[in-house]
Amino acid sequence: MIVVIKNDAPQEKVDELKQMLEGYGVTLNLSVGTHSTVIGLLGDTSAIDADLIAAQDIVEAVKRVQEPYKKANRKFHPENTVINIKPGVDIGGKSLAVIAGPCSVESEEQIIEVAKRVKAAGANFLRGGAFKPRTSPYSFQGLKAEGLELLKIARRETGLPIVTEIMSVEHLPLFEDVDIIQVGARNMQNFEMLKELGKIDKPILLKRGLANTIEELLMSAEYIMSGGNENVILCERGIRTFETYTRNTLDISAVPVLKRLSHLPVIVDPSHAGGLPWLVEPLTKAAIAVGADGVMIEVHNNPKKALSDGAQSLTPDQFDNVMKMVKKYAAIGDRTI
């Protein structure tokens, strides 16, 4: 249930209403926006008389929320969430985030070289895998803790905030100095991990699972947010269909749907979706055109020798060309990078 407060409501009246609502044994979620104030009621609201609440003179409307996700629901938070990563660097709102870097961190020389090139091209975040989930147990699994340290060195060299994937709750202490923690597609419904990530105050980039619905993605976000961490970024990275030409099928319609259902920022991963370097640019165009808050692109200084996902990675020169397009599209939409 949500209660919409009139714009001119005196604060003391709002406080009285909040006390009244808390008397029903529910938890309140207050969202103060430019045009409206919304009080979201979390818990069992079946015993609450909606007409009685609506009769209060400061209440504009009372609505029952049917969707199982509450904190991630736009009805609870009508205005778009903007997540500040560091001064002047946001995800959401008028900002267009460009997260770029190699699938895996392979060496100090490699990650620093790529970091400098993507920053020069206009990227505002550096991605790189230290812990890598691989389909085959014989594939490169990442440099793990050493990889995290190399990412921090690259951050010192370039100033780019770092984004990297966590594989286990046990590794959480290693991620204290990571700017954005990524939850990969295979861990989207690792609910015990999501609960723990809900206890920390750090942005979480949550990728949609290979065969998960939009509602399941939002329910996974709800697990994190219900723990107290509301800094969640949703990522559409393609889903598994019967098509085999591409690595996955980019569900481009998921972006406007998620933006309609939720207030959380939404980004797109065209590299994992298409699996082919020449597809990155058109899929990036599509993502920006439908309102995505950013893109995540894999860039490697020598894709042919990459230890993971080289086939879908752009060279730094190819990324330069993609960024020229991104800047043009951003300008058309009055977006900043």
Protein backbone atom coordinates (compact mmCIF):
# COMPACT_ATOMS: atom_id res chain seq x y z
CA MET A 1 0.00 0.00 0.00
CA ILE A 2 1.16 3.55 -0.74
CA VAL A 3 -0.11 6.84 0.62
CA VAL A 4 0.42 9.95 -1.51
CA ILE A 5 0.70 13.15 0.53
CA LYS A 6 -0.49 16.54 -0.71
CA ASN A 7 2.30 18.96 -1.63
CA ASP A 8 1.27 21.61 0.89
CA ALA A 9 0.91 19.22 3.85
CA PRO A 10 2.40 20.62 7.10
CA GLN A 11 5.23 18.49 8.48
CA GLU A 12 3.53 18.05 11.85
CA LYS A 13 0.47 16.58 10.11
CA VAL A 14 2.71 14.23 8.13
CA ASP A 15 4.38 13.09 11.36
CA GLU A 16 0.98 12.45 12.95
CA LEU A 17 -0.07 10.36 9.96
CA LYS A 18 3.18 8.37 10.12
CA GLN A 19 2.54 7.58 13.79
CA MET A 20 -0.98 6.48 12.92
CA LEU A 21 0.27 4.16 10.19
CA GLU A 22 3.03 2.68 12.36
CA GLY A 23 0.30 1.74 14.80
CA TYR A 24 -0.79 -0.93 12.31
CA GLY A 25 2.54 -2.72 12.77
CA VAL A 26 3.89 -1.95 9.30
CA THR A 27 7.23 -0.51 8.24
CA LEU A 28 7.18 2.86 6.50
CA ASN A 29 9.26 3.78 3.46
CA LEU A 30 9.25 7.56 2.87
CA SER A 31 10.06 8.94 -0.59
CA VAL A 32 10.25 12.73 -0.84
CA GLY A 33 10.28 13.96 -4.42
CA THR A 34 10.10 17.29 -6.20
CA HIS A 35 6.42 16.96 -7.01
CA SER A 36 5.09 14.55 -4.39
CA THR A 37 5.76 12.73 -1.15
CA VAL A 38 4.91 9.04 -0.97
CA ILE A 39 4.73 6.83 2.12
CA GLY A 40 5.11 3.17 1.29
CA LEU A 41 3.73 0.61 3.74
CA LEU A 42 5.69 -2.64 3.99
CA GLY A 43 4.18 -5.64 5.73
CA ASP A 44 0.67 -6.98 6.23
CA THR A 45 -1.69 -4.17 5.19
CA SER A 46 -4.84 -6.32 4.97
CA ALA A 47 -6.23 -4.92 8.23
CA ILE A 48 -5.74 -1.28 7.21
CA ASP A 49 -8.86 0.65 6.22
CA ALA A 50 -7.80 2.49 3.05
CA ASP A 51 -10.89 4.71 3.16
CA LEU A 52 -10.02 5.86 6.68
CA ILE A 53 -6.50 6.82 5.56
CA ALA A 54 -7.83 8.56 2.45
CA ALA A 55 -10.16 10.65 4.62
CA GLN A 56 -7.21 12.43 6.26
CA ASP A 57 -7.03 16.00 4.95
CA ILE A 58 -3.34 15.81 3.97
CA VAL A 59 -3.76 12.61 1.93
CA GLU A 60 -4.12 12.91 -1.83
CA ALA A 61 -4.53 9.21 -2.65
CA VAL A 62 -4.22 5.70 -1.24
CA LYS A 63 -3.34 2.79 -3.51
CA ARG A 64 -2.76 -0.89 -2.91
CA VAL A 65 0.32 -2.32 -4.61
CA GLN A 66 -0.25 -5.71 -6.18
CA GLU A 67 3.33 -6.40 -7.31
CA PRO A 68 5.42 -8.50 -4.88
CA TYR A 69 8.37 -6.11 -5.11
CA LYS A 70 7.85 -2.96 -3.04
CA LYS A 71 11.06 -0.99 -2.52
CA ALA A 72 12.07 -1.47 -6.16
CA ASN A 73 8.60 -0.41 -7.31
CA ARG A 74 8.16 2.98 -8.98
CA LYS A 75 4.84 3.40 -7.14
CA PHE A 76 6.82 3.58 -3.88
CA HIS A 77 9.41 5.94 -5.39
CA PRO A 78 7.96 7.91 -8.35
CA GLU A 79 11.17 9.75 -9.22
CA ASN A 80 14.19 8.09 -10.83
CA THR A 81 16.93 7.02 -8.45
CA VAL A 82 20.33 8.54 -9.15
CA ILE A 83 23.27 6.72 -7.56
CA ASN A 84 26.30 8.85 -6.79
CA ILE A 85 29.54 6.88 -7.08
CA LYS A 86 31.93 9.74 -6.36
CA PRO A 87 31.73 13.54 -6.69
CA GLY A 88 30.60 14.35 -10.21
CA VAL A 89 30.06 10.71 -11.23
CA ASP A 90 26.50 9.35 -11.14
CA ILE A 91 24.50 6.49 -12.60
CA GLY A 92 20.96 7.50 -13.47
CA GLY A 93 19.24 10.79 -14.20
CA LYS A 94 20.85 12.80 -16.99
CA SER A 95 24.12 10.86 -16.71
CA LEU A 96 25.03 8.18 -19.24
CA ALA A 97 27.40 5.69 -17.65
CA VAL A 98 29.98 3.95 -19.83
CA ILE A 99 31.62 1.00 -18.06
CA ALA A 100 34.47 -0.48 -20.06
CA GLY A 101 37.38 -2.86 -19.63
CA PRO A 102 38.49 -6.45 -20.07
CA CYS A 103 36.46 -9.51 -19.12
CA SER A 104 39.37 -10.64 -16.92
CA VAL A 105 42.24 -8.84 -15.26
CA GLU A 106 45.31 -10.67 -16.59
CA SER A 107 48.29 -8.52 -15.58
CA GLU A 108 49.17 -5.07 -14.24
CA GLU A 109 50.41 -3.96 -17.65
CA GLN A 110 47.22 -5.15 -19.37
CA ILE A 111 44.69 -3.56 -17.01
CA ILE A 112 46.52 -0.22 -16.82
CA GLU A 113 46.90 -0.02 -20.60
CA VAL A 114 43.19 -0.76 -21.15
CA ALA A 115 42.14 1.60 -18.35
CA LYS A 116 44.07 4.50 -19.86
CA ARG A 117 42.67 3.85 -23.33
CA VAL A 118 39.02 3.58 -22.28
CA LYS A 119 39.31 6.71 -20.14
CA ALA A 120 40.86 8.64 -23.03
CA ALA A 121 37.94 7.54 -25.21
CA GLY A 122 35.40 8.83 -22.67
CA ALA A 123 34.50 5.91 -20.41
CA ASN A 124 33.76 6.89 -16.81
CA PHE A 125 34.06 3.44 -15.15
CA LEU A 126 36.56 0.59 -15.41
CA ARG A 127 35.33 -3.00 -15.39
CA GLY A 128 37.47 -6.08 -14.94
CA GLY A 129 36.94 -9.57 -13.60
CA ALA A 130 39.09 -10.80 -10.72
CA PHE A 131 36.87 -13.76 -9.81
CA LYS A 132 35.50 -15.34 -12.98
CA PRO A 133 32.54 -17.74 -13.26
CA ARG A 134 33.33 -20.05 -16.18
CA THR A 135 31.24 -22.80 -17.75
CA SER A 136 34.25 -25.13 -17.87
CA PRO A 137 36.23 -25.92 -14.71
CA TYR A 138 39.35 -26.01 -16.89
CA SER A 139 39.01 -22.39 -18.07
CA PHE A 140 40.83 -19.42 -16.56
CA GLN A 141 39.11 -18.55 -13.27
CA GLY A 142 40.69 -15.13 -12.73
CA LEU A 143 43.53 -13.79 -10.58
CA LYS A 144 41.17 -13.45 -7.60
CA ALA A 145 42.56 -11.24 -4.79
CA GLU A 146 45.58 -10.28 -6.88
CA GLY A 147 43.22 -9.16 -9.63
CA LEU A 148 41.39 -6.85 -7.21
CA GLU A 149 44.67 -5.24 -6.23
CA LEU A 150 45.57 -4.69 -9.88
CA LEU A 151 42.20 -3.01 -10.44
CA LYS A 152 42.95 -0.63 -7.57
CA ILE A 153 46.32 0.20 -9.13
CA ALA A 154 44.54 0.99 -12.41
CA ARG A 155 42.10 3.19 -10.49
CA ARG A 156 44.99 5.12 -8.95
CA GLU A 157 46.52 5.60 -12.39
CA THR A 158 43.32 6.81 -14.08
CA GLY A 159 40.84 7.90 -11.41
CA LEU A 160 38.17 5.60 -12.88
CA PRO A 161 35.84 3.92 -10.34
CA ILE A 162 36.09 0.13 -10.59
CA VAL A 163 33.34 -2.42 -11.20
CA THR A 164 34.02 -6.11 -10.56
CA GLU A 165 32.06 -9.28 -9.89
CA ILE A 166 31.71 -11.10 -6.59
CA MET A 167 31.37 -14.89 -6.64
CA SER A 168 30.94 -15.77 -2.97
CA VAL A 169 29.81 -14.14 0.27
CA GLU A 170 33.10 -15.34 1.75
CA HIS A 171 34.93 -12.91 -0.54
CA LEU A 172 32.97 -9.86 0.64
CA PRO A 173 35.77 -8.49 2.90
CA LEU A 174 38.02 -8.31 -0.18
CA PHE A 175 35.52 -5.97 -1.87
CA GLU A 176 35.51 -3.22 0.76
CA ASP A 177 37.48 -0.87 -1.52
CA VAL A 178 35.57 -1.70 -4.73
CA ASP A 179 33.35 1.11 -6.03
CA ILE A 180 30.57 -1.05 -7.53
CA ILE A 181 30.08 -4.75 -6.78
CA GLN A 182 28.67 -6.73 -9.67
CA VAL A 183 26.38 -9.72 -9.17
CA GLY A 184 26.62 -11.87 -12.29
CA ALA A 185 23.82 -13.57 -14.17
CA ARG A 186 24.52 -16.94 -12.56
CA ASN A 187 24.22 -15.45 -9.07
CA MET A 188 21.11 -13.33 -9.64
CA GLN A 189 19.09 -15.69 -7.46
CA ASN A 190 21.82 -16.47 -4.94
CA PHE A 191 19.52 -15.17 -2.22
CA GLU A 192 21.92 -15.65 0.69
CA MET A 193 24.48 -13.51 -1.14
CA LEU A 194 21.85 -10.89 -1.96
CA LYS A 195 20.86 -10.68 1.71
CA GLU A 196 24.47 -10.01 2.71
CA LEU A 197 24.87 -7.37 0.01
CA GLY A 198 21.78 -5.72 1.46
CA LYS A 199 23.69 -5.10 4.69
CA ILE A 200 26.45 -2.99 3.13
CA ASP A 201 26.44 0.59 1.91
CA LYS A 202 27.86 0.09 -1.57
CA PRO A 203 26.32 0.20 -5.08
CA ILE A 204 25.38 -3.21 -6.46
CA LEU A 205 25.17 -3.88 -10.20
CA LEU A 206 22.67 -6.72 -10.56
CA LYS A 207 22.68 -8.64 -13.84
CA ARG A 208 19.59 -10.41 -15.14
CA GLY A 209 19.89 -14.19 -15.23
CA LEU A 210 20.10 -16.09 -18.50
CA ALA A 211 16.54 -17.43 -18.18
CA ASN A 212 14.93 -15.10 -15.65
CA THR A 213 11.88 -12.91 -16.04
CA ILE A 214 11.79 -9.18 -15.43
CA GLU A 215 9.78 -9.72 -12.24
CA GLU A 216 12.38 -12.21 -10.96
CA LEU A 217 15.10 -9.61 -11.58
CA LEU A 218 13.13 -7.03 -9.60
CA MET A 219 12.53 -9.52 -6.79
CA SER A 220 16.29 -10.12 -6.59
CA ALA A 221 16.77 -6.36 -6.33
CA GLU A 222 14.15 -6.40 -3.58
CA TYR A 223 16.26 -8.87 -1.58
CA ILE A 224 19.14 -6.38 -1.56
CA MET A 225 16.97 -3.34 -0.90
CA SER A 226 14.96 -4.97 1.88
CA GLY A 227 18.23 -5.37 3.79
CA GLY A 228 18.78 -1.61 3.74
CA ASN A 229 20.99 -1.13 0.67
CA GLU A 230 18.94 0.76 -1.91
CA ASN A 231 21.88 1.48 -4.24
CA VAL A 232 20.97 -1.11 -6.89
CA ILE A 233 21.69 -0.84 -10.63
CA LEU A 234 19.82 -3.26 -12.91
CA CYS A 235 21.60 -4.74 -15.93
CA GLU A 236 20.01 -6.33 -19.01
CA ARG A 237 22.68 -8.59 -20.52
CA GLY A 238 20.69 -10.79 -22.86
CA ILE A 239 18.66 -13.92 -22.21
CA ARG A 240 18.90 -17.46 -23.54
CA THR A 241 16.56 -18.23 -26.44
CA PHE A 242 16.50 -20.76 -29.28
CA GLU A 243 18.72 -18.46 -31.39
CA THR A 244 22.34 -19.63 -31.67
CA TYR A 245 23.84 -17.00 -33.98
CA THR A 246 24.36 -14.60 -31.08
CA ARG A 247 25.69 -15.54 -27.67
CA ASN A 248 22.40 -14.44 -26.07
CA THR A 249 19.36 -12.46 -27.22
CA LEU A 250 19.31 -8.85 -26.04
CA ASP A 251 15.86 -8.13 -24.60
CA ILE A 252 15.87 -4.47 -25.55
CA SER A 253 12.23 -4.15 -24.48
CA ALA A 254 13.31 -4.93 -20.91
CA VAL A 255 14.82 -1.45 -20.59
CA PRO A 256 11.60 0.60 -20.99
CA VAL A 257 9.64 -2.04 -19.07
CA LEU A 258 12.04 -1.87 -16.13
CA LYS A 259 12.04 1.93 -16.28
CA ARG A 260 8.23 1.87 -16.13
CA LEU A 261 8.01 -0.63 -13.26
CA SER A 262 10.97 0.54 -11.20
CA HIS A 263 12.81 3.72 -10.26
CA LEU A 264 16.22 2.01 -10.31
CA PRO A 265 18.86 2.81 -12.96
CA VAL A 266 19.04 0.34 -15.86
CA ILE A 267 22.13 -0.36 -17.95
CA VAL A 268 22.75 -2.74 -20.88
CA ASP A 269 25.65 -5.12 -21.56
CA PRO A 270 25.84 -5.39 -25.38
CA SER A 271 29.03 -7.48 -25.27
CA HIS A 272 27.52 -10.47 -23.47
CA ALA A 273 24.23 -10.07 -25.30
CA GLY A 274 25.61 -10.28 -28.83
CA GLY A 275 28.88 -12.09 -28.27
CA LEU A 276 30.27 -10.54 -31.45
CA PRO A 277 32.37 -7.34 -31.54
CA TRP A 278 30.61 -5.87 -34.59
CA LEU A 279 27.26 -6.11 -32.78
CA VAL A 280 28.38 -3.94 -29.86
CA GLU A 281 27.86 -0.63 -31.64
CA PRO A 282 24.31 -1.23 -32.97
CA LEU A 283 23.19 -2.76 -29.66
CA THR A 284 24.67 0.19 -27.80
CA LYS A 285 22.75 2.56 -30.07
CA ALA A 286 19.55 0.66 -29.32
CA ALA A 287 20.20 0.73 -25.58
CA ILE A 288 20.69 4.50 -25.51
CA ALA A 289 17.71 5.07 -27.80
CA VAL A 290 15.28 3.23 -25.50
CA GLY A 291 16.48 5.10 -22.41
CA ALA A 292 19.18 2.98 -20.77
CA ASP A 293 21.20 4.77 -18.10
CA GLY A 294 24.44 3.31 -19.38
CA VAL A 295 26.27 0.46 -21.11
CA MET A 296 28.94 -2.02 -20.10
CA ILE A 297 31.40 -2.88 -22.89
CA GLU A 298 34.26 -5.36 -22.91
CA VAL A 299 37.56 -3.95 -24.19
CA HIS A 300 40.85 -5.86 -24.44
CA ASN A 301 44.19 -4.66 -25.77
CA ASN A 302 44.71 -7.99 -27.58
CA PRO A 303 41.39 -9.88 -27.89
CA LYS A 304 42.94 -12.77 -29.83
CA LYS A 305 45.08 -13.63 -26.80
CA ALA A 306 42.50 -12.83 -24.11
CA LEU A 307 42.16 -15.47 -21.38
CA SER A 308 38.35 -15.10 -21.40
CA ASP A 309 35.69 -13.76 -23.78
CA GLY A 310 38.14 -12.46 -26.35
CA ALA A 311 35.71 -13.23 -29.17
CA GLN A 312 33.30 -10.52 -28.02
CA SER A 313 35.82 -7.92 -26.86
CA LEU A 314 36.57 -4.70 -28.71
CA THR A 315 40.08 -3.46 -29.30
CA PRO A 316 40.83 0.00 -27.88
CA ASP A 317 40.66 1.43 -31.42
CA GLN A 318 37.22 -0.13 -31.98
CA PHE A 319 36.08 1.25 -28.64
CA ASP A 320 37.25 4.73 -29.70
CA ASN A 321 34.88 4.52 -32.68
CA VAL A 322 31.97 3.29 -30.57
CA MET A 323 32.49 6.16 -28.14
CA LYS A 324 32.27 8.72 -30.95
CA MET A 325 28.78 7.37 -31.65
CA VAL A 326 27.89 7.24 -27.94
CA LYS A 327 28.80 10.90 -27.48
CA LYS A 328 26.62 11.90 -30.46
CA TYR A 329 23.65 9.92 -29.15
CA ALA A 330 24.15 11.29 -25.65
CA ALA A 331 24.11 14.86 -26.97
CA ILE A 332 20.87 14.22 -28.87
CA GLY A 333 19.23 13.06 -25.64
CA ASP A 334 20.74 15.89 -23.59
CA ARG A 335 22.74 13.32 -21.59
CA THR A 336 26.16 13.78 -20.03
CA ILE A 337 28.98 11.23 -19.91
